[in-house]
Amino acid sequence: MSARSEWQFYRRMPVYLANGRLLGHVLEVGHGVELLHVQEGRFFIRDWYIPADAIGDVTGRGVFLAADRGDLHRNGWNVPPESYLAVQGSVPGYEYTSPADIPDYASAGDE
């Protein structure tokens, strides 16, 4: 197992779950390796925002998580944390807003 200070990531690096199954590929690494943005799938894309604490090891073969798929769902790692969004320049919550989320959206333009 390599030391956290020795971890080196690159774009499209494979990411494996604790059971050895491929989850996806590294899309980007958060500042100071606090967060790993992983993209799963080719046609139906799913993004995961995995904290560094969930990484078991990083080798030349890929990133090996100390978490399984159930942990990803239980911890809500499919939603980017507000700290990540702030660095990206997004307004937390805005990217999930649609007309269906706003009551009286249709009548708002009539005033």
Protein backbone atom coordinates (compact mmCIF):
# COMPACT_ATOMS: atom_id res chain seq x y z
CA MET A 1 0.00 0.00 0.00
CA SER A 2 1.46 3.34 -1.04
CA ALA A 3 1.53 6.38 1.23
CA ARG A 4 -1.06 9.06 0.55
CA SER A 5 1.70 11.61 -0.16
CA GLU A 6 2.96 9.36 -2.99
CA TRP A 7 -0.38 9.09 -4.81
CA GLN A 8 -0.31 10.27 -8.39
CA PHE A 9 -3.47 10.53 -10.44
CA TYR A 10 -4.02 11.07 -14.12
CA ARG A 11 -7.10 11.68 -16.21
CA ARG A 12 -8.95 8.49 -17.30
CA MET A 13 -7.17 6.44 -14.61
CA PRO A 14 -9.33 3.37 -13.80
CA VAL A 15 -11.10 3.32 -10.42
CA TYR A 16 -12.01 0.00 -8.79
CA LEU A 17 -14.46 -0.77 -5.99
CA ALA A 18 -13.39 -2.71 -2.88
CA ASN A 19 -14.53 -5.96 -4.52
CA GLY A 20 -12.22 -5.35 -7.51
CA ARG A 21 -14.92 -4.39 -10.02
CA LEU A 22 -14.32 -1.40 -12.25
CA LEU A 23 -16.37 1.63 -11.15
CA GLY A 24 -15.23 4.15 -13.75
CA HIS A 25 -12.41 6.53 -14.57
CA VAL A 26 -10.93 9.61 -12.93
CA LEU A 27 -12.36 12.73 -14.49
CA GLU A 28 -10.57 15.22 -12.24
CA VAL A 29 -8.95 15.46 -8.84
CA GLY A 30 -10.11 18.00 -6.27
CA HIS A 31 -7.67 20.43 -4.70
CA GLY A 32 -5.10 18.79 -2.46
CA VAL A 33 -6.51 15.34 -3.33
CA GLU A 34 -9.49 15.87 -1.04
CA LEU A 35 -11.96 14.65 -3.63
CA LEU A 36 -11.85 12.38 -6.64
CA HIS A 37 -14.39 13.04 -9.42
CA VAL A 38 -15.09 9.67 -11.05
CA GLN A 39 -17.19 9.16 -14.15
CA GLU A 40 -18.98 5.84 -14.60
CA GLY A 41 -20.33 4.59 -17.91
CA ARG A 42 -20.00 5.51 -21.54
CA PHE A 43 -23.56 6.03 -22.73
CA PHE A 44 -25.39 6.48 -19.45
CA ILE A 45 -23.01 8.63 -17.46
CA ARG A 46 -23.00 8.79 -13.68
CA ASP A 47 -20.66 11.02 -11.70
CA TRP A 48 -19.27 10.14 -8.29
CA TYR A 49 -17.50 12.53 -5.93
CA ILE A 50 -15.38 10.29 -3.72
CA PRO A 51 -13.50 11.68 -0.72
CA ALA A 52 -9.82 10.79 -0.35
CA ASP A 53 -10.62 8.95 2.89
CA ALA A 54 -12.42 6.29 0.82
CA ILE A 55 -9.33 5.56 -1.29
CA GLY A 56 -7.54 2.41 -0.20
CA ASP A 57 -4.55 2.54 -2.55
CA VAL A 58 -3.28 4.08 -5.76
CA THR A 59 -0.93 2.13 -8.01
CA GLY A 60 0.12 2.25 -11.63
CA ARG A 61 -2.85 -0.01 -12.40
CA GLY A 62 -5.44 2.39 -10.98
CA VAL A 63 -7.24 3.69 -7.91
CA PHE A 64 -8.52 1.07 -5.48
CA LEU A 65 -11.32 2.21 -3.21
CA ALA A 66 -11.97 0.93 0.29
CA ALA A 67 -15.70 1.31 -0.43
CA ASP A 68 -18.31 -0.71 -2.29
CA ARG A 69 -21.27 0.43 -4.38
CA GLY A 70 -23.53 0.45 -1.32
CA ASP A 71 -21.17 2.90 0.41
CA LEU A 72 -21.34 5.21 -2.60
CA HIS A 73 -25.13 5.38 -2.39
CA ARG A 74 -25.36 5.48 1.44
CA ASN A 75 -22.92 8.38 1.67
CA GLY A 76 -24.53 10.34 -1.17
CA TRP A 77 -21.31 10.57 -3.16
CA ASN A 78 -23.32 11.08 -6.34
CA VAL A 79 -23.93 14.70 -5.30
CA PRO A 80 -20.97 17.09 -5.32
CA PRO A 81 -20.25 18.71 -1.95
CA GLU A 82 -20.79 22.46 -1.66
CA SER A 83 -17.06 23.04 -1.13
CA TYR A 84 -16.39 21.40 -4.51
CA LEU A 85 -19.05 23.47 -6.24
CA ALA A 86 -17.71 26.68 -4.72
CA VAL A 87 -14.27 26.00 -6.20
CA GLN A 88 -15.87 25.20 -9.57
CA GLY A 89 -17.75 28.51 -9.52
CA SER A 90 -21.21 26.96 -9.19
CA VAL A 91 -23.96 28.10 -6.89
CA PRO A 92 -24.89 25.19 -4.59
CA GLY A 93 -28.36 23.94 -5.39
CA TYR A 94 -28.76 25.93 -8.59
CA GLU A 95 -27.66 23.15 -10.90
CA TYR A 96 -30.48 20.93 -9.60
CA THR A 97 -33.24 23.50 -10.13
CA SER A 98 -35.69 23.01 -12.94
CA PRO A 99 -39.03 24.66 -13.72
CA ALA A 100 -40.74 21.73 -12.00
CA ASP A 101 -38.97 22.68 -8.74
CA ILE A 102 -40.38 26.22 -8.72
CA PRO A 103 -44.05 26.61 -7.76
CA ASP A 104 -46.04 28.82 -10.11
CA TYR A 105 -43.19 28.92 -12.62
CA ALA A 106 -45.59 29.13 -15.54
CA SER A 107 -47.48 32.06 -14.04
CA ALA A 108 -44.32 33.93 -12.97
CA GLY A 109 -43.82 35.32 -16.50
CA ASP A 110 -47.41 36.57 -16.70
CA GLU A 111 -46.95 39.37 -14.18
